[in-house]
C-alpha cells in the first residue's frame, strides 16, 4: 500500500507533463513519457486508484452521490475536482492498473456515466491511454468526454462511451499503424479543466474498462 501511494502522484505528474493543455482535443498522438503500473488486484486483474495533484484538485469516492447500486444503499460515485483555473498545473485523476504490457488492440470498451451538474468538456474528464509502438516510441491517446457518443439515461445521468472501433481509430490516428504490434503502457482518467471553463468538478459512475465496471471502491475486488 505504501508503494502505491508513493507511485500514484509520480505517475500522474508524468502523464500531466506529457499532455496537459488549456483545451485538450478528444484524440491526439504525442510523444510522451508513459509510466508503467503494476498489475492490480481482483479477478479481472484491473484496479482503479483515485488521487490528486496540485492545488484544490483530487478524486475520491463519495457516498450518496451516484446512481442506485444493485446491492446496498451507498450509491457511490467517483468525484473529480479542480477548483482552480485550467492553466494551473493540477488535476484530479484515477489510474487504472492491470493493462500494461497487453496489446493496444486489447482495449475494447471505455465508458462512464457523468452527472448532469458536472463538467463534460473536450479535454476533461478524459481517458489518457499510454501506448508504446513497435519501435519503442511512446504515444498518448486522448479520449475526451465531449467527443464521446452520449446516451441519456435520465435528467441527471448520461453515458459517455467509446467502442472498440472508436478506440482503435484513435490509436491509429495517434500514428500507430497496427495496434496489434503496440502495447498499453498506462491508462488513466484525468480531470484538469478548471473553474475558468466550467464548474470545476464532475461525478462519474459505472466506470467501465472492457468488461470491468466500478460503481464503488469495492470494484477492485471484482
C-alpha atoms as a PDB file:
ATOM      1  CA  UNK A   1       0.000   0.000   0.000  1.00  0.00           C
ATOM      2  CA  UNK A   2       2.829   2.375   0.795  1.00  0.00           C
ATOM      3  CA  UNK A   3       4.332   1.697  -2.629  1.00  0.00           C
ATOM      4  CA  UNK A   4       1.033   2.521  -4.344  1.00  0.00           C
ATOM      5  CA  UNK A   5       0.644   5.846  -2.548  1.00  0.00           C
ATOM      6  CA  UNK A   6       4.188   6.802  -3.469  1.00  0.00           C
ATOM      7  CA  UNK A   7       3.812   5.788  -7.103  1.00  0.00           C
ATOM      8  CA  UNK A   8       0.489   7.333  -7.986  1.00  0.00           C
ATOM      9  CA  UNK A   9       1.397  11.076  -7.764  1.00  0.00           C
ATOM     10  CA  UNK A  10       4.580  10.447  -9.722  1.00  0.00           C
ATOM     11  CA  UNK A  11       2.654   8.582 -12.424  1.00  0.00           C
ATOM     12  CA  UNK A  12       0.105  11.383 -12.623  1.00  0.00           C
ATOM     13  CA  UNK A  13       2.839  14.002 -12.882  1.00  0.00           C
ATOM     14  CA  UNK A  14       4.408  12.178 -15.828  1.00  0.00           C
ATOM     15  CA  UNK A  15       1.077  11.908 -17.625  1.00  0.00           C
ATOM     16  CA  UNK A  16       0.177  15.542 -16.985  1.00  0.00           C
ATOM     17  CA  UNK A  17       3.593  16.806 -18.047  1.00  0.00           C
ATOM     18  CA  UNK A  18       3.195  14.972 -21.345  1.00  0.00           C
ATOM     19  CA  UNK A  19      -0.315  16.044 -22.249  1.00  0.00           C
ATOM     20  CA  UNK A  20      -1.772  18.936 -20.224  1.00  0.00           C
ATOM     21  CA  UNK A  21      -3.174  21.712 -22.425  1.00  0.00           C
ATOM     22  CA  UNK A  22      -5.615  24.561 -21.847  1.00  0.00           C
ATOM     23  CA  UNK A  23      -8.095  22.840 -24.160  1.00  0.00           C
ATOM     24  CA  UNK A  24      -7.244  19.255 -24.947  1.00  0.00           C
ATOM     25  CA  UNK A  25      -8.547  17.613 -28.130  1.00  0.00           C
ATOM     26  CA  UNK A  26     -10.623  14.487 -27.943  1.00  0.00           C
ATOM     27  CA  UNK A  27      -7.832  12.495 -29.556  1.00  0.00           C
ATOM     28  CA  UNK A  28      -4.244  13.334 -30.401  1.00  0.00           C
ATOM     29  CA  UNK A  29      -0.948  11.471 -30.749  1.00  0.00           C
ATOM     30  CA  UNK A  30       2.127  12.864 -28.989  1.00  0.00           C
ATOM     31  CA  UNK A  31       5.493  11.646 -27.916  1.00  0.00           C
ATOM     32  CA  UNK A  32       5.311  11.217 -24.155  1.00  0.00           C
ATOM     33  CA  UNK A  33       6.962   9.605 -21.191  1.00  0.00           C
ATOM     34  CA  UNK A  34       4.414   7.000 -20.152  1.00  0.00           C
ATOM     35  CA  UNK A  35       4.680   5.318 -16.729  1.00  0.00           C
ATOM     36  CA  UNK A  36       4.321   1.585 -16.231  1.00  0.00           C
ATOM     37  CA  UNK A  37       1.997   0.371 -13.497  1.00  0.00           C
ATOM     38  CA  UNK A  38       1.877  -2.881 -11.584  1.00  0.00           C
ATOM     39  CA  UNK A  39      -0.940  -5.317 -12.242  1.00  0.00           C
ATOM     40  CA  UNK A  40      -3.884  -4.608  -9.953  1.00  0.00           C
ATOM     41  CA  UNK A  41      -5.923  -6.982  -7.832  1.00  0.00           C
ATOM     42  CA  UNK A  42      -9.289  -8.607  -8.350  1.00  0.00           C
ATOM     43  CA  UNK A  43     -10.399 -11.426 -10.632  1.00  0.00           C
ATOM     44  CA  UNK A  44     -10.308  -9.127 -13.676  1.00  0.00           C
ATOM     45  CA  UNK A  45      -6.709  -8.122 -12.974  1.00  0.00           C
ATOM     46  CA  UNK A  46      -7.759  -4.458 -13.096  1.00  0.00           C
ATOM     47  CA  UNK A  47      -7.885  -1.924 -10.264  1.00  0.00           C
ATOM     48  CA  UNK A  48      -8.723   1.760 -10.077  1.00  0.00           C
ATOM     49  CA  UNK A  49      -6.925   4.194  -7.769  1.00  0.00           C
ATOM     50  CA  UNK A  50      -8.115   7.824  -7.439  1.00  0.00           C
ATOM     51  CA  UNK A  51      -5.827  10.641  -6.370  1.00  0.00           C
ATOM     52  CA  UNK A  52      -4.912  14.257  -6.909  1.00  0.00           C
ATOM     53  CA  UNK A  53      -2.080  16.517  -7.914  1.00  0.00           C
ATOM     54  CA  UNK A  54      -1.772  20.221  -7.134  1.00  0.00           C
ATOM     55  CA  UNK A  55      -3.952  22.861  -5.529  1.00  0.00           C
ATOM     56  CA  UNK A  56      -7.604  22.058  -4.702  1.00  0.00           C
ATOM     57  CA  UNK A  57      -7.584  19.114  -7.091  1.00  0.00           C
ATOM     58  CA  UNK A  58      -8.339  15.476  -6.291  1.00  0.00           C
ATOM     59  CA  UNK A  59     -10.594  12.493  -6.950  1.00  0.00           C
ATOM     60  CA  UNK A  60     -12.372  10.366  -4.348  1.00  0.00           C
ATOM     61  CA  UNK A  61     -15.347   8.065  -3.967  1.00  0.00           C
ATOM     62  CA  UNK A  62     -18.377   9.827  -2.454  1.00  0.00           C
ATOM     63  CA  UNK A  63     -21.420   8.098  -0.976  1.00  0.00           C
ATOM     64  CA  UNK A  64     -24.996   9.021  -1.933  1.00  0.00           C
ATOM     65  CA  UNK A  65     -23.759  10.907  -4.992  1.00  0.00           C
ATOM     66  CA  UNK A  66     -24.165   8.206  -7.638  1.00  0.00           C
ATOM     67  CA  UNK A  67     -26.776   6.104  -9.330  1.00  0.00           C
ATOM     68  CA  UNK A  68     -28.640   3.448  -7.312  1.00  0.00           C
ATOM     69  CA  UNK A  69     -26.435   0.420  -6.611  1.00  0.00           C
ATOM     70  CA  UNK A  70     -27.600  -3.123  -7.288  1.00  0.00           C
ATOM     71  CA  UNK A  71     -26.537  -4.053  -3.751  1.00  0.00           C
ATOM     72  CA  UNK A  72     -26.647  -1.861  -0.657  1.00  0.00           C
ATOM     73  CA  UNK A  73     -27.568   1.800  -0.412  1.00  0.00           C
ATOM     74  CA  UNK A  74     -24.224   3.580  -0.639  1.00  0.00           C
ATOM     75  CA  UNK A  75     -24.892   4.744  -4.222  1.00  0.00           C
ATOM     76  CA  UNK A  76     -21.324   5.939  -4.638  1.00  0.00           C
ATOM     77  CA  UNK A  77     -19.822   7.985  -7.452  1.00  0.00           C
ATOM     78  CA  UNK A  78     -16.235   8.950  -8.187  1.00  0.00           C
ATOM     79  CA  UNK A  79     -15.898  12.699  -7.635  1.00  0.00           C
ATOM     80  CA  UNK A  80     -13.240  14.648  -9.570  1.00  0.00           C
ATOM     81  CA  UNK A  81     -12.364  18.209  -8.661  1.00  0.00           C
ATOM     82  CA  UNK A  82     -10.154  21.030  -9.966  1.00  0.00           C
ATOM     83  CA  UNK A  83     -11.228  24.208  -8.166  1.00  0.00           C
ATOM     84  CA  UNK A  84      -8.585  26.401  -9.784  1.00  0.00           C
ATOM     85  CA  UNK A  85      -8.134  27.777 -13.315  1.00  0.00           C
ATOM     86  CA  UNK A  86      -7.223  25.396 -16.124  1.00  0.00           C
ATOM     87  CA  UNK A  87      -3.638  26.728 -16.640  1.00  0.00           C
ATOM     88  CA  UNK A  88      -2.732  25.819 -13.034  1.00  0.00           C
ATOM     89  CA  UNK A  89      -0.724  22.568 -13.022  1.00  0.00           C
ATOM     90  CA  UNK A  90      -3.209  20.436 -11.100  1.00  0.00           C
ATOM     91  CA  UNK A  91      -5.701  17.626 -11.672  1.00  0.00           C
ATOM     92  CA  UNK A  92      -7.899  15.021 -10.123  1.00  0.00           C
ATOM     93  CA  UNK A  93      -7.135  11.611 -11.569  1.00  0.00           C
ATOM     94  CA  UNK A  94      -7.824   7.898 -11.401  1.00  0.00           C
ATOM     95  CA  UNK A  95      -5.164   5.415 -12.515  1.00  0.00           C
ATOM     96  CA  UNK A  96      -6.344   2.044 -13.843  1.00  0.00           C
ATOM     97  CA  UNK A  97      -3.765  -0.677 -13.255  1.00  0.00           C
ATOM     98  CA  UNK A  98      -3.561  -4.065 -14.925  1.00  0.00           C
ATOM     99  CA  UNK A  99      -3.435  -3.475 -18.672  1.00  0.00           C
ATOM    100  CA  UNK A 100       0.231  -2.611 -19.037  1.00  0.00           C
ATOM    101  CA  UNK A 101       2.077  -4.832 -21.494  1.00  0.00           C
ATOM    102  CA  UNK A 102      -1.082  -6.016 -23.256  1.00  0.00           C
ATOM    103  CA  UNK A 103      -1.577  -5.300 -26.976  1.00  0.00           C
ATOM    104  CA  UNK A 104      -3.240  -1.968 -27.710  1.00  0.00           C
ATOM    105  CA  UNK A 105      -5.922  -3.975 -29.518  1.00  0.00           C
ATOM    106  CA  UNK A 106      -6.927  -5.492 -26.155  1.00  0.00           C
ATOM    107  CA  UNK A 107      -8.624  -2.253 -25.136  1.00  0.00           C
ATOM    108  CA  UNK A 108     -12.171  -2.781 -26.367  1.00  0.00           C
ATOM    109  CA  UNK A 109     -14.509  -0.527 -24.345  1.00  0.00           C
ATOM    110  CA  UNK A 110     -14.229   2.633 -22.257  1.00  0.00           C
ATOM    111  CA  UNK A 111     -17.194   4.395 -20.696  1.00  0.00           C
ATOM    112  CA  UNK A 112     -18.650   6.146 -17.674  1.00  0.00           C
ATOM    113  CA  UNK A 113     -21.885   7.844 -16.655  1.00  0.00           C
ATOM    114  CA  UNK A 114     -21.479  11.540 -15.796  1.00  0.00           C
ATOM    115  CA  UNK A 115     -23.856  13.518 -13.596  1.00  0.00           C
ATOM    116  CA  UNK A 116     -25.587  16.487 -15.224  1.00  0.00           C
ATOM    117  CA  UNK A 117     -24.388  19.101 -12.727  1.00  0.00           C
ATOM    118  CA  UNK A 118     -20.723  18.404 -13.531  1.00  0.00           C
ATOM    119  CA  UNK A 119     -18.398  19.225 -16.419  1.00  0.00           C
ATOM    120  CA  UNK A 120     -18.152  17.257 -19.670  1.00  0.00           C
ATOM    121  CA  UNK A 121     -15.632  19.140 -21.775  1.00  0.00           C
ATOM    122  CA  UNK A 122     -13.398  18.483 -24.752  1.00  0.00           C
ATOM    123  CA  UNK A 123     -10.462  17.648 -22.504  1.00  0.00           C
ATOM    124  CA  UNK A 124     -11.923  16.774 -19.124  1.00  0.00           C
ATOM    125  CA  UNK A 125     -12.789  14.337 -17.907  1.00  0.00           C
ATOM    126  CA  UNK A 126     -10.821  12.297 -20.414  1.00  0.00           C
ATOM    127  CA  UNK A 127      -9.251   8.916 -20.886  1.00  0.00           C
ATOM    128  CA  UNK A 128      -5.473   9.103 -21.206  1.00  0.00           C
ATOM    129  CA  UNK A 129      -4.080   5.986 -22.888  1.00  0.00           C
ATOM    130  CA  UNK A 130      -0.317   5.475 -22.948  1.00  0.00           C
ATOM    131  CA  UNK A 131       0.805   3.386 -25.928  1.00  0.00           C
ATOM    132  CA  UNK A 132       4.277   2.113 -26.857  1.00  0.00           C
ATOM    133  CA  UNK A 133       4.673   1.283 -30.535  1.00  0.00           C
ATOM    134  CA  UNK A 134       6.740  -1.485 -32.120  1.00  0.00           C
ATOM    135  CA  UNK A 135       9.757   0.850 -32.341  1.00  0.00           C
ATOM    136  CA  UNK A 136       9.635   1.596 -28.618  1.00  0.00           C
ATOM    137  CA  UNK A 137       8.284   5.130 -29.090  1.00  0.00           C
ATOM    138  CA  UNK A 138       5.666   6.355 -26.603  1.00  0.00           C
ATOM    139  CA  UNK A 139       2.378   7.986 -27.591  1.00  0.00           C
ATOM    140  CA  UNK A 140      -0.560   9.380 -25.626  1.00  0.00           C
ATOM    141  CA  UNK A 141      -4.117   8.999 -26.898  1.00  0.00           C
ATOM    142  CA  UNK A 142      -6.770  11.368 -25.521  1.00  0.00           C
ATOM    143  CA  UNK A 143     -10.475  10.436 -25.495  1.00  0.00           C
ATOM    144  CA  UNK A 144     -12.454  13.369 -24.132  1.00  0.00           C
ATOM    145  CA  UNK A 145     -15.903  13.443 -22.599  1.00  0.00           C
ATOM    146  CA  UNK A 146     -17.498  15.861 -25.079  1.00  0.00           C
ATOM    147  CA  UNK A 147     -16.469  13.841 -28.153  1.00  0.00           C
ATOM    148  CA  UNK A 148     -17.822  10.534 -26.837  1.00  0.00           C
ATOM    149  CA  UNK A 149     -21.122   9.159 -28.120  1.00  0.00           C
ATOM    150  CA  UNK A 150     -23.706  10.095 -25.488  1.00  0.00           C
ATOM    151  CA  UNK A 151     -26.698   8.096 -24.253  1.00  0.00           C
ATOM    152  CA  UNK A 152     -29.062   9.974 -21.933  1.00  0.00           C
ATOM    153  CA  UNK A 153     -30.173   7.806 -19.009  1.00  0.00           C
ATOM    154  CA  UNK A 154     -32.406  10.379 -17.292  1.00  0.00           C
ATOM    155  CA  UNK A 155     -32.358  14.064 -16.331  1.00  0.00           C
ATOM    156  CA  UNK A 156     -29.360  13.510 -14.059  1.00  0.00           C
ATOM    157  CA  UNK A 157     -27.109  10.994 -15.842  1.00  0.00           C
ATOM    158  CA  UNK A 158     -25.628  10.483 -19.310  1.00  0.00           C
ATOM    159  CA  UNK A 159     -23.418   7.628 -20.520  1.00  0.00           C
ATOM    160  CA  UNK A 160     -20.290   8.625 -22.471  1.00  0.00           C
ATOM    161  CA  UNK A 161     -18.839   5.601 -24.246  1.00  0.00           C
ATOM    162  CA  UNK A 162     -16.061   4.693 -26.667  1.00  0.00           C
ATOM    163  CA  UNK A 163     -16.418   1.451 -28.613  1.00  0.00           C
ATOM    164  CA  UNK A 164     -13.679  -0.857 -29.866  1.00  0.00           C
ATOM    165  CA  UNK A 165     -13.767   0.863 -33.263  1.00  0.00           C
ATOM    166  CA  UNK A 166     -13.574   4.320 -31.670  1.00  0.00           C
ATOM    167  CA  UNK A 167     -10.588   3.373 -29.508  1.00  0.00           C
ATOM    168  CA  UNK A 168      -8.662   1.638 -32.258  1.00  0.00           C
ATOM    169  CA  UNK A 169      -9.307   4.518 -34.681  1.00  0.00           C
ATOM    170  CA  UNK A 170      -7.924   6.970 -32.125  1.00  0.00           C
ATOM    171  CA  UNK A 171      -4.830   4.817 -31.639  1.00  0.00           C
ATOM    172  CA  UNK A 172      -4.247   4.709 -35.401  1.00  0.00           C
ATOM    173  CA  UNK A 173      -4.788   8.496 -35.585  1.00  0.00           C
ATOM    174  CA  UNK A 174      -2.028   8.877 -32.998  1.00  0.00           C
ATOM    175  CA  UNK A 175       0.409   7.449 -35.534  1.00  0.00           C
ATOM    176  CA  UNK A 176       0.283   3.752 -34.640  1.00  0.00           C
ATOM    177  CA  UNK A 177      -0.496   1.951 -37.888  1.00  0.00           C
ATOM    178  CA  UNK A 178      -1.095  -1.501 -36.374  1.00  0.00           C
ATOM    179  CA  UNK A 179      -2.424  -1.527 -32.763  1.00  0.00           C
ATOM    180  CA  UNK A 180      -1.741  -5.275 -32.546  1.00  0.00           C
ATOM    181  CA  UNK A 181       2.017  -4.554 -32.609  1.00  0.00           C
ATOM    182  CA  UNK A 182       1.823  -1.815 -29.939  1.00  0.00           C
ATOM    183  CA  UNK A 183       1.393  -2.263 -26.187  1.00  0.00           C
ATOM    184  CA  UNK A 184      -0.503  -0.433 -23.482  1.00  0.00           C
ATOM    185  CA  UNK A 185       1.787   1.324 -21.001  1.00  0.00           C
ATOM    186  CA  UNK A 186      -0.805   3.196 -18.917  1.00  0.00           C
ATOM    187  CA  UNK A 187      -4.473   4.091 -18.583  1.00  0.00           C
ATOM    188  CA  UNK A 188      -5.939   6.917 -16.521  1.00  0.00           C
ATOM    189  CA  UNK A 189      -8.903   9.267 -16.220  1.00  0.00           C
ATOM    190  CA  UNK A 190      -7.800  12.904 -15.906  1.00  0.00           C
ATOM    191  CA  UNK A 191      -9.784  15.955 -14.856  1.00  0.00           C
ATOM    192  CA  UNK A 192      -7.694  19.073 -15.464  1.00  0.00           C
ATOM    193  CA  UNK A 193     -10.108  21.686 -16.826  1.00  0.00           C
ATOM    194  CA  UNK A 194     -10.877  24.189 -14.070  1.00  0.00           C
ATOM    195  CA  UNK A 195     -13.241  26.884 -12.923  1.00  0.00           C
ATOM    196  CA  UNK A 196     -12.434  29.268 -15.774  1.00  0.00           C
ATOM    197  CA  UNK A 197     -14.268  26.995 -18.238  1.00  0.00           C
ATOM    198  CA  UNK A 198     -16.768  25.106 -16.070  1.00  0.00           C
ATOM    199  CA  UNK A 199     -17.848  24.255 -12.515  1.00  0.00           C
ATOM    200  CA  UNK A 200     -14.544  22.583 -11.644  1.00  0.00           C
ATOM    201  CA  UNK A 201     -15.957  19.151 -10.829  1.00  0.00           C
ATOM    202  CA  UNK A 202     -17.713  16.066 -12.147  1.00  0.00           C
ATOM    203  CA  UNK A 203     -19.263  12.919 -10.685  1.00  0.00           C
ATOM    204  CA  UNK A 204     -18.682   9.665 -12.606  1.00  0.00           C
ATOM    205  CA  UNK A 205     -20.384   6.301 -12.032  1.00  0.00           C
ATOM    206  CA  UNK A 206     -20.381   2.912 -13.774  1.00  0.00           C
ATOM    207  CA  UNK A 207     -16.801   3.454 -14.910  1.00  0.00           C
ATOM    208  CA  UNK A 208     -16.100   0.692 -17.415  1.00  0.00           C
ATOM    209  CA  UNK A 209     -12.870  -0.666 -18.898  1.00  0.00           C
ATOM    210  CA  UNK A 210     -13.552  -3.597 -21.221  1.00  0.00           C
ATOM    211  CA  UNK A 211     -15.862  -5.746 -19.054  1.00  0.00           C
ATOM    212  CA  UNK A 212     -14.810  -4.407 -15.638  1.00  0.00           C
ATOM    213  CA  UNK A 213     -17.217  -1.920 -14.033  1.00  0.00           C
ATOM    214  CA  UNK A 214     -16.586   0.264 -10.980  1.00  0.00           C
ATOM    215  CA  UNK A 215     -19.511   1.647  -9.007  1.00  0.00           C
ATOM    216  CA  UNK A 216     -17.580   1.841  -5.729  1.00  0.00           C
ATOM    217  CA  UNK A 217     -14.074   1.138  -4.347  1.00  0.00           C
ATOM    218  CA  UNK A 218     -15.120  -2.482  -3.905  1.00  0.00           C
ATOM    219  CA  UNK A 219     -14.996  -2.787  -7.712  1.00  0.00           C
ATOM    220  CA  UNK A 220     -11.287  -3.546  -7.325  1.00  0.00           C
ATOM    221  CA  UNK A 221     -12.243  -6.951  -5.924  1.00  0.00           C
ATOM    222  CA  UNK A 222     -14.450  -7.901  -8.895  1.00  0.00           C
END
